[in-house]
Amino acid sequence: MVKNVINISLGEKIDINKTTQKHAGIQFVTYLNHESAKVKIEMLKNNEGLVRFLLSDKKFNKLENSLDRWGYFICISNNRNGLLKMLEV
């Protein structure tokens, strides 16, 4: 991707050939799903499909904008169904 950004800025051709076929998704953690999300994150901690997670110390009991989220977790999988299972809370 970085190489393509450089090539674009230089007016050169970019390489758009796929190198991998993966599915990625994000699950946001809020006051509505925090208990099941914490359990899911613990289950996924040793799974290479869990890319990143963040759980904030600040706890909001409302959901009016993106700042009211408690956190998130991001997963990748080789197939859509596997990804959906990982993100399910």
PDB file of N, CA and C in Angstrom:
ATOM      1  N   MET A   1       0.820  -1.184   0.000  1.00  0.00           N
ATOM      2  CA  MET A   1       0.000   0.000   0.000  1.00  0.00           C
ATOM      3  C   MET A   1       0.870   1.256   0.000  1.00  0.00           C
ATOM      4  N   VAL A   2       1.909   1.244   0.811  1.00  0.00           N
ATOM      5  CA  VAL A   2       2.785   2.418   0.864  1.00  0.00           C
ATOM      6  C   VAL A   2       3.436   2.654  -0.491  1.00  0.00           C
ATOM      7  N   LYS A   3       3.859   1.561  -1.120  1.00  0.00           N
ATOM      8  CA  LYS A   3       4.465   1.683  -2.449  1.00  0.00           C
ATOM      9  C   LYS A   3       3.486   2.311  -3.435  1.00  0.00           C
ATOM     10  N   ASN A   4       2.216   1.906  -3.372  1.00  0.00           N
ATOM     11  CA  ASN A   4       1.210   2.479  -4.266  1.00  0.00           C
ATOM     12  C   ASN A   4       0.961   3.955  -3.967  1.00  0.00           C
ATOM     13  N   VAL A   5       0.983   4.350  -2.706  1.00  0.00           N
ATOM     14  CA  VAL A   5       0.814   5.760  -2.353  1.00  0.00           C
ATOM     15  C   VAL A   5       1.959   6.586  -2.938  1.00  0.00           C
ATOM     16  N   ILE A   6       3.164   6.069  -2.832  1.00  0.00           N
ATOM     17  CA  ILE A   6       4.325   6.761  -3.405  1.00  0.00           C
ATOM     18  C   ILE A   6       4.188   6.848  -4.915  1.00  0.00           C
ATOM     19  N   ASN A   7       3.802   5.734  -5.548  1.00  0.00           N
ATOM     20  CA  ASN A   7       3.644   5.728  -7.005  1.00  0.00           C
ATOM     21  C   ASN A   7       2.564   6.715  -7.459  1.00  0.00           C
ATOM     22  N   ILE A   8       1.464   6.802  -6.718  1.00  0.00           N
ATOM     23  CA  ILE A   8       0.414   7.768  -7.064  1.00  0.00           C
ATOM     24  C   ILE A   8       0.976   9.186  -7.003  1.00  0.00           C
ATOM     25  N   SER A   9       1.718   9.491  -5.947  1.00  0.00           N
ATOM     26  CA  SER A   9       2.247  10.848  -5.801  1.00  0.00           C
ATOM     27  C   SER A   9       3.280  11.182  -6.881  1.00  0.00           C
ATOM     28  N   LEU A  10       3.916  10.146  -7.439  1.00  0.00           N
ATOM     29  CA  LEU A  10       4.884  10.359  -8.512  1.00  0.00           C
ATOM     30  C   LEU A  10       4.252  10.283  -9.898  1.00  0.00           C
ATOM     31  N   GLY A  11       2.938  10.002  -9.933  1.00  0.00           N
ATOM     32  CA  GLY A  11       2.252   9.887 -11.214  1.00  0.00           C
ATOM     33  C   GLY A  11       2.548   8.587 -11.935  1.00  0.00           C
ATOM     34  N   GLU A  12       3.020   7.593 -11.218  1.00  0.00           N
ATOM     35  CA  GLU A  12       3.347   6.306 -11.820  1.00  0.00           C
ATOM     36  C   GLU A  12       2.190   5.324 -11.628  1.00  0.00           C
ATOM     37  N   LYS A  13       2.257   4.208 -12.360  1.00  0.00           N
ATOM     38  CA  LYS A  13       1.224   3.186 -12.250  1.00  0.00           C
ATOM     39  C   LYS A  13       1.281   2.519 -10.879  1.00  0.00           C
ATOM     40  N   ILE A  14       0.102   2.061 -10.449  1.00  0.00           N
ATOM     41  CA  ILE A  14       0.033   1.350  -9.178  1.00  0.00           C
ATOM     42  C   ILE A  14      -0.278  -0.124  -9.430  1.00  0.00           C
ATOM     43  N   ASP A  15       0.070  -0.953  -8.469  1.00  0.00           N
ATOM     44  CA  ASP A  15      -0.181  -2.390  -8.540  1.00  0.00           C
ATOM     45  C   ASP A  15      -1.468  -2.681  -7.773  1.00  0.00           C
ATOM     46  N   ILE A  16      -2.494  -3.177  -8.480  1.00  0.00           N
ATOM     47  CA  ILE A  16      -3.774  -3.460  -7.826  1.00  0.00           C
ATOM     48  C   ILE A  16      -4.070  -4.956  -7.768  1.00  0.00           C
ATOM     49  N   ASN A  17      -3.043  -5.770  -7.929  1.00  0.00           N
ATOM     50  CA  ASN A  17      -3.232  -7.219  -7.837  1.00  0.00           C
ATOM     51  C   ASN A  17      -3.393  -7.636  -6.383  1.00  0.00           C
ATOM     52  N   LYS A  18      -4.363  -8.514  -6.133  1.00  0.00           N
ATOM     53  CA  LYS A  18      -4.583  -9.017  -4.783  1.00  0.00           C
ATOM     54  C   LYS A  18      -3.422  -9.909  -4.372  1.00  0.00           C
ATOM     55  N   THR A  19      -2.981  -9.729  -3.126  1.00  0.00           N
ATOM     56  CA  THR A  19      -1.937 -10.600  -2.606  1.00  0.00           C
ATOM     57  C   THR A  19      -2.509 -11.585  -1.586  1.00  0.00           C
ATOM     58  N   THR A  20      -3.608 -11.213  -0.952  1.00  0.00           N
ATOM     59  CA  THR A  20      -4.280 -12.103  -0.003  1.00  0.00           C
ATOM     60  C   THR A  20      -5.783 -11.923  -0.115  1.00  0.00           C
ATOM     61  N   GLN A  21      -6.521 -12.901   0.370  1.00  0.00           N
ATOM     62  CA  GLN A  21      -7.980 -12.847   0.389  1.00  0.00           C
ATOM     63  C   GLN A  21      -8.411 -13.040   1.834  1.00  0.00           C
ATOM     64  N   LYS A  22      -8.678 -11.965   2.532  1.00  0.00           N
ATOM     65  CA  LYS A  22      -9.091 -12.020   3.936  1.00  0.00           C
ATOM     66  C   LYS A  22     -10.335 -11.155   4.130  1.00  0.00           C
ATOM     67  N   HIS A  23     -11.041 -11.435   5.205  1.00  0.00           N
ATOM     68  CA  HIS A  23     -12.203 -10.647   5.600  1.00  0.00           C
ATOM     69  C   HIS A  23     -11.870 -10.001   6.937  1.00  0.00           C
ATOM     70  N   ALA A  24     -12.220  -8.735   7.107  1.00  0.00           N
ATOM     71  CA  ALA A  24     -11.944  -8.021   8.350  1.00  0.00           C
ATOM     72  C   ALA A  24     -13.210  -7.327   8.822  1.00  0.00           C
ATOM     73  N   GLY A  25     -13.326  -7.190  10.143  1.00  0.00           N
ATOM     74  CA  GLY A  25     -14.493  -6.518  10.701  1.00  0.00           C
ATOM     75  C   GLY A  25     -14.191  -5.966  12.079  1.00  0.00           C
ATOM     76  N   ILE A  26     -15.056  -5.058  12.508  1.00  0.00           N
ATOM     77  CA  ILE A  26     -14.906  -4.428  13.815  1.00  0.00           C
ATOM     78  C   ILE A  26     -16.208  -4.559  14.589  1.00  0.00           C
ATOM     79  N   GLN A  27     -16.103  -4.798  15.880  1.00  0.00           N
ATOM     80  CA  GLN A  27     -17.265  -4.832  16.769  1.00  0.00           C
ATOM     81  C   GLN A  27     -17.042  -3.734  17.809  1.00  0.00           C
ATOM     82  N   PHE A  28     -17.988  -2.816  17.904  1.00  0.00           N
ATOM     83  CA  PHE A  28     -17.892  -1.755  18.892  1.00  0.00           C
ATOM     84  C   PHE A  28     -18.494  -2.226  20.207  1.00  0.00           C
ATOM     85  N   VAL A  29     -17.867  -1.838  21.307  1.00  0.00           N
ATOM     86  CA  VAL A  29     -18.326  -2.215  22.642  1.00  0.00           C
ATOM     87  C   VAL A  29     -19.023  -1.002  23.259  1.00  0.00           C
ATOM     88  N   THR A  30     -20.238  -1.221  23.715  1.00  0.00           N
ATOM     89  CA  THR A  30     -21.021  -0.157  24.342  1.00  0.00           C
ATOM     90  C   THR A  30     -21.612  -0.688  25.640  1.00  0.00           C
ATOM     91  N   TYR A  31     -22.368   0.148  26.317  1.00  0.00           N
ATOM     92  CA  TYR A  31     -23.028  -0.309  27.545  1.00  0.00           C
ATOM     93  C   TYR A  31     -24.037  -1.406  27.252  1.00  0.00           C
ATOM     94  N   LEU A  32     -24.474  -1.520  26.013  1.00  0.00           N
ATOM     95  CA  LEU A  32     -25.467  -2.532  25.645  1.00  0.00           C
ATOM     96  C   LEU A  32     -24.869  -3.930  25.502  1.00  0.00           C
ATOM     97  N   ASN A  33     -23.597  -4.037  25.098  1.00  0.00           N
ATOM     98  CA  ASN A  33     -23.021  -5.358  24.824  1.00  0.00           C
ATOM     99  C   ASN A  33     -21.699  -5.612  25.548  1.00  0.00           C
ATOM    100  N   HIS A  34     -21.354  -4.790  26.532  1.00  0.00           N
ATOM    101  CA  HIS A  34     -20.019  -4.879  27.122  1.00  0.00           C
ATOM    102  C   HIS A  34     -19.740  -6.209  27.816  1.00  0.00           C
ATOM    103  N   GLU A  35     -20.716  -6.800  28.470  1.00  0.00           N
ATOM    104  CA  GLU A  35     -20.459  -8.068  29.168  1.00  0.00           C
ATOM    105  C   GLU A  35     -20.099  -9.177  28.190  1.00  0.00           C
ATOM    106  N   SER A  36     -20.914  -9.337  27.148  1.00  0.00           N
ATOM    107  CA  SER A  36     -20.629 -10.398  26.176  1.00  0.00           C
ATOM    108  C   SER A  36     -19.382 -10.069  25.357  1.00  0.00           C
ATOM    109  N   ALA A  37     -19.120  -8.791  25.119  1.00  0.00           N
ATOM    110  CA  ALA A  37     -17.917  -8.413  24.372  1.00  0.00           C
ATOM    111  C   ALA A  37     -16.663  -8.739  25.169  1.00  0.00           C
ATOM    112  N   LYS A  38     -16.674  -8.502  26.487  1.00  0.00           N
ATOM    113  CA  LYS A  38     -15.515  -8.837  27.316  1.00  0.00           C
ATOM    114  C   LYS A  38     -15.248 -10.337  27.303  1.00  0.00           C
ATOM    115  N   VAL A  39     -16.309 -11.137  27.361  1.00  0.00           N
ATOM    116  CA  VAL A  39     -16.165 -12.590  27.295  1.00  0.00           C
ATOM    117  C   VAL A  39     -15.582 -12.994  25.945  1.00  0.00           C
ATOM    118  N   LYS A  40     -16.085 -12.407  24.877  1.00  0.00           N
ATOM    119  CA  LYS A  40     -15.609 -12.729  23.524  1.00  0.00           C
ATOM    120  C   LYS A  40     -14.136 -12.366  23.368  1.00  0.00           C
ATOM    121  N   ILE A  41     -13.736 -11.205  23.852  1.00  0.00           N
ATOM    122  CA  ILE A  41     -12.335 -10.793  23.748  1.00  0.00           C
ATOM    123  C   ILE A  41     -11.436 -11.767  24.503  1.00  0.00           C
ATOM    124  N   GLU A  42     -11.847 -12.185  25.684  1.00  0.00           N
ATOM    125  CA  GLU A  42     -11.059 -13.158  26.442  1.00  0.00           C
ATOM    126  C   GLU A  42     -10.923 -14.467  25.671  1.00  0.00           C
ATOM    127  N   MET A  43     -12.000 -14.897  25.025  1.00  0.00           N
ATOM    128  CA  MET A  43     -11.961 -16.130  24.236  1.00  0.00           C
ATOM    129  C   MET A  43     -11.021 -15.993  23.044  1.00  0.00           C
ATOM    130  N   LEU A  44     -10.947 -14.798  22.463  1.00  0.00           N
ATOM    131  CA  LEU A  44     -10.170 -14.590  21.245  1.00  0.00           C
ATOM    132  C   LEU A  44      -8.720 -14.174  21.492  1.00  0.00           C
ATOM    133  N   LYS A  45      -8.343 -13.899  22.725  1.00  0.00           N
ATOM    134  CA  LYS A  45      -6.997 -13.368  23.003  1.00  0.00           C
ATOM    135  C   LYS A  45      -5.877 -14.228  22.438  1.00  0.00           C
ATOM    136  N   ASN A  46      -6.020 -15.535  22.425  1.00  0.00           N
ATOM    137  CA  ASN A  46      -4.984 -16.415  21.887  1.00  0.00           C
ATOM    138  C   ASN A  46      -5.247 -16.815  20.444  1.00  0.00           C
ATOM    139  N   ASN A  47      -6.215 -16.168  19.808  1.00  0.00           N
ATOM    140  CA  ASN A  47      -6.575 -16.458  18.432  1.00  0.00           C
ATOM    141  C   ASN A  47      -5.897 -15.436  17.526  1.00  0.00           C
ATOM    142  N   GLU A  48      -5.198 -15.907  16.504  1.00  0.00           N
ATOM    143  CA  GLU A  48      -4.503 -14.980  15.607  1.00  0.00           C
ATOM    144  C   GLU A  48      -5.473 -14.109  14.814  1.00  0.00           C
ATOM    145  N   GLY A  49      -6.756 -14.434  14.838  1.00  0.00           N
ATOM    146  CA  GLY A  49      -7.753 -13.623  14.153  1.00  0.00           C
ATOM    147  C   GLY A  49      -8.072 -12.324  14.868  1.00  0.00           C
ATOM    148  N   LEU A  50      -7.754 -12.240  16.169  1.00  0.00           N
ATOM    149  CA  LEU A  50      -7.963 -10.998  16.917  1.00  0.00           C
ATOM    150  C   LEU A  50      -6.792 -10.079  16.628  1.00  0.00           C
ATOM    151  N   VAL A  51      -7.052  -9.015  15.886  1.00  0.00           N
ATOM    152  CA  VAL A  51      -5.989  -8.111  15.459  1.00  0.00           C
ATOM    153  C   VAL A  51      -5.681  -7.082  16.538  1.00  0.00           C
ATOM    154  N   ARG A  52      -6.732  -6.488  17.106  1.00  0.00           N
ATOM    155  CA  ARG A  52      -6.537  -5.430  18.104  1.00  0.00           C
ATOM    156  C   ARG A  52      -7.809  -5.262  18.906  1.00  0.00           C
ATOM    157  N   PHE A  53      -7.670  -4.861  20.162  1.00  0.00           N
ATOM    158  CA  PHE A  53      -8.844  -4.527  20.957  1.00  0.00           C
ATOM    159  C   PHE A  53      -8.495  -3.412  21.920  1.00  0.00           C
ATOM    160  N   LEU A  54      -9.511  -2.683  22.322  1.00  0.00           N
ATOM    161  CA  LEU A  54      -9.363  -1.610  23.293  1.00  0.00           C
ATOM    162  C   LEU A  54     -10.631  -1.544  24.118  1.00  0.00           C
ATOM    163  N   LEU A  55     -10.464  -1.540  25.425  1.00  0.00           N
ATOM    164  CA  LEU A  55     -11.583  -1.330  26.333  1.00  0.00           C
ATOM    165  C   LEU A  55     -11.224  -0.143  27.222  1.00  0.00           C
ATOM    166  N   SER A  56     -12.051   0.873  27.195  1.00  0.00           N
ATOM    167  CA  SER A  56     -11.800   2.103  27.928  1.00  0.00           C
ATOM    168  C   SER A  56     -12.174   1.964  29.398  1.00  0.00           C
ATOM    169  N   ASP A  57     -11.543   2.772  30.235  1.00  0.00           N
ATOM    170  CA  ASP A  57     -11.920   2.845  31.644  1.00  0.00           C
ATOM    171  C   ASP A  57     -13.170   3.707  31.825  1.00  0.00           C
ATOM    172  N   LYS A  58     -13.429   4.564  30.857  1.00  0.00           N
ATOM    173  CA  LYS A  58     -14.597   5.447  30.931  1.00  0.00           C
ATOM    174  C   LYS A  58     -15.832   4.662  30.504  1.00  0.00           C
ATOM    175  N   LYS A  59     -16.846   4.707  31.313  1.00  0.00           N
ATOM    176  CA  LYS A  59     -18.063   3.949  31.048  1.00  0.00           C
ATOM    177  C   LYS A  59     -19.246   4.895  30.903  1.00  0.00           C
ATOM    178  N   PHE A  60     -19.850   4.887  29.732  1.00  0.00           N
ATOM    179  CA  PHE A  60     -21.002   5.731  29.455  1.00  0.00           C
ATOM    180  C   PHE A  60     -22.250   4.871  29.396  1.00  0.00           C
ATOM    181  N   ASN A  61     -23.326   5.324  29.989  1.00  0.00           N
ATOM    182  CA  ASN A  61     -24.600   4.601  29.953  1.00  0.00           C
ATOM    183  C   ASN A  61     -25.561   5.243  28.972  1.00  0.00           C
ATOM    184  N   LYS A  62     -25.008   5.759  27.913  1.00  0.00           N
ATOM    185  CA  LYS A  62     -25.792   6.334  26.827  1.00  0.00           C
ATOM    186  C   LYS A  62     -25.039   6.033  25.531  1.00  0.00           C
ATOM    187  N   LEU A  63     -25.692   6.188  24.440  1.00  0.00           N
ATOM    188  CA  LEU A  63     -25.053   5.962  23.150  1.00  0.00           C
ATOM    189  C   LEU A  63     -25.598   7.005  22.183  1.00  0.00           C
ATOM    190  N   GLU A  64     -24.975   8.171  22.217  1.00  0.00           N
ATOM    191  CA  GLU A  64     -25.414   9.272  21.368  1.00  0.00           C
ATOM    192  C   GLU A  64     -24.442   9.554  20.231  1.00  0.00           C
ATOM    193  N   ASN A  65     -23.170   9.168  20.409  1.00  0.00           N
ATOM    194  CA  ASN A  65     -22.184   9.360  19.347  1.00  0.00           C
ATOM    195  C   ASN A  65     -21.032   8.380  19.553  1.00  0.00           C
ATOM    196  N   SER A  66     -20.061   8.406  18.671  1.00  0.00           N
ATOM    197  CA  SER A  66     -18.967   7.430  18.728  1.00  0.00           C
ATOM    198  C   SER A  66     -18.101   7.574  19.976  1.00  0.00           C
ATOM    199  N   LEU A  67     -18.115   8.727  20.615  1.00  0.00           N
ATOM    200  CA  LEU A  67     -17.327   8.926  21.831  1.00  0.00           C
ATOM    201  C   LEU A  67     -17.916   8.202  23.036  1.00  0.00           C
ATOM    202  N   ASP A  68     -19.158   7.739  22.919  1.00  0.00           N
ATOM    203  CA  ASP A  68     -19.818   7.029  24.014  1.00  0.00           C
ATOM    204  C   ASP A  68     -19.522   5.532  24.011  1.00  0.00           C
ATOM    205  N   ARG A  69     -18.716   5.075  23.084  1.00  0.00           N
ATOM    206  CA  ARG A  69     -18.357   3.653  23.033  1.00  0.00           C
ATOM    207  C   ARG A  69     -17.378   3.320  24.144  1.00  0.00           C
ATOM    208  N   TRP A  70     -17.465   2.101  24.638  1.00  0.00           N
ATOM    209  CA  TRP A  70     -16.558   1.617  25.675  1.00  0.00           C
ATOM    210  C   TRP A  70     -15.270   1.073  25.066  1.00  0.00           C
ATOM    211  N   GLY A  71     -15.308   0.740  23.795  1.00  0.00           N
ATOM    212  CA  GLY A  71     -14.133   0.190  23.142  1.00  0.00           C
ATOM    213  C   GLY A  71     -14.498  -0.497  21.841  1.00  0.00           C
ATOM    214  N   TYR A  72     -13.615  -1.394  21.407  1.00  0.00           N
ATOM    215  CA  TYR A  72     -13.819  -2.111  20.150  1.00  0.00           C
ATOM    216  C   TYR A  72     -12.901  -3.327  20.112  1.00  0.00           C
ATOM    217  N   PHE A  73     -13.188  -4.227  19.165  1.00  0.00           N
ATOM    218  CA  PHE A  73     -12.213  -5.243  18.809  1.00  0.00           C
ATOM    219  C   PHE A  73     -12.300  -5.510  17.319  1.00  0.00           C
ATOM    220  N   ILE A  74     -11.144  -5.769  16.713  1.00  0.00           N
ATOM    221  CA  ILE A  74     -11.018  -5.975  15.276  1.00  0.00           C
ATOM    222  C   ILE A  74     -10.525  -7.394  15.037  1.00  0.00           C
ATOM    223  N   CYS A  75     -11.161  -8.077  14.084  1.00  0.00           N
ATOM    224  CA  CYS A  75     -10.789  -9.455  13.757  1.00  0.00           C
ATOM    225  C   CYS A  75     -10.606  -9.625  12.256  1.00  0.00           C
ATOM    226  N   ILE A  76      -9.822 -10.642  11.880  1.00  0.00           N
ATOM    227  CA  ILE A  76      -9.691 -11.047  10.487  1.00  0.00           C
ATOM    228  C   ILE A  76      -9.914 -12.553  10.400  1.00  0.00           C
ATOM    229  N   SER A  77     -10.359 -12.981   9.227  1.00  0.00           N
ATOM    230  CA  SER A  77     -10.589 -14.404   8.992  1.00  0.00           C
ATOM    231  C   SER A  77     -10.421 -14.696   7.510  1.00  0.00           C
ATOM    232  N   ASN A  78     -10.202 -15.953   7.195  1.00  0.00           N
ATOM    233  CA  ASN A  78     -10.098 -16.367   5.798  1.00  0.00           C
ATOM    234  C   ASN A  78     -11.449 -16.423   5.114  1.00  0.00           C
ATOM    235  N   ASN A  79     -12.529 -16.464   5.899  1.00  0.00           N
ATOM    236  CA  ASN A  79     -13.857 -16.519   5.282  1.00  0.00           C
ATOM    237  C   ASN A  79     -14.851 -15.684   6.082  1.00  0.00           C
ATOM    238  N   ARG A  80     -15.931 -15.314   5.425  1.00  0.00           N
ATOM    239  CA  ARG A  80     -16.934 -14.422   6.014  1.00  0.00           C
ATOM    240  C   ARG A  80     -17.610 -15.046   7.236  1.00  0.00           C
ATOM    241  N   ASN A  81     -17.968 -16.314   7.142  1.00  0.00           N
ATOM    242  CA  ASN A  81     -18.649 -16.967   8.263  1.00  0.00           C
ATOM    243  C   ASN A  81     -17.766 -17.035   9.505  1.00  0.00           C
ATOM    244  N   GLY A  82     -16.486 -17.305   9.313  1.00  0.00           N
ATOM    245  CA  GLY A  82     -15.558 -17.322  10.438  1.00  0.00           C
ATOM    246  C   GLY A  82     -15.450 -15.949  11.081  1.00  0.00           C
ATOM    247  N   LEU A  83     -15.435 -14.915  10.262  1.00  0.00           N
ATOM    248  CA  LEU A  83     -15.381 -13.552  10.781  1.00  0.00           C
ATOM    249  C   LEU A  83     -16.635 -13.223  11.576  1.00  0.00           C
ATOM    250  N   LEU A  84     -17.787 -13.576  11.050  1.00  0.00           N
ATOM    251  CA  LEU A  84     -19.039 -13.283  11.736  1.00  0.00           C
ATOM    252  C   LEU A  84     -19.106 -13.972  13.092  1.00  0.00           C
ATOM    253  N   LYS A  85     -18.592 -15.190  13.181  1.00  0.00           N
ATOM    254  CA  LYS A  85     -18.573 -15.913  14.463  1.00  0.00           C
ATOM    255  C   LYS A  85     -17.670 -15.207  15.468  1.00  0.00           C
ATOM    256  N   MET A  86     -16.529 -14.702  15.005  1.00  0.00           N
ATOM    257  CA  MET A  86     -15.609 -14.011  15.910  1.00  0.00           C
ATOM    258  C   MET A  86     -16.207 -12.704  16.430  1.00  0.00           C
ATOM    259  N   LEU A  87     -16.967 -12.004  15.594  1.00  0.00           N
ATOM    260  CA  LEU A  87     -17.513 -10.708  15.972  1.00  0.00           C
ATOM    261  C   LEU A  87     -18.828 -10.793  16.719  1.00  0.00           C
ATOM    262  N   GLU A  88     -19.426 -11.979  16.769  1.00  0.00           N
ATOM    263  CA  GLU A  88     -20.725 -12.143  17.394  1.00  0.00           C
ATOM    264  C   GLU A  88     -20.643 -11.951  18.910  1.00  0.00           C
ATOM    265  N   VAL A  89     -21.460 -11.029  19.431  1.00  0.00           N
ATOM    266  CA  VAL A  89     -21.525 -10.825  20.888  1.00  0.00           C
ATOM    267  C   VAL A  89     -22.964 -10.841  21.339  1.00  0.00           C
TER     268      VAL A  89
END
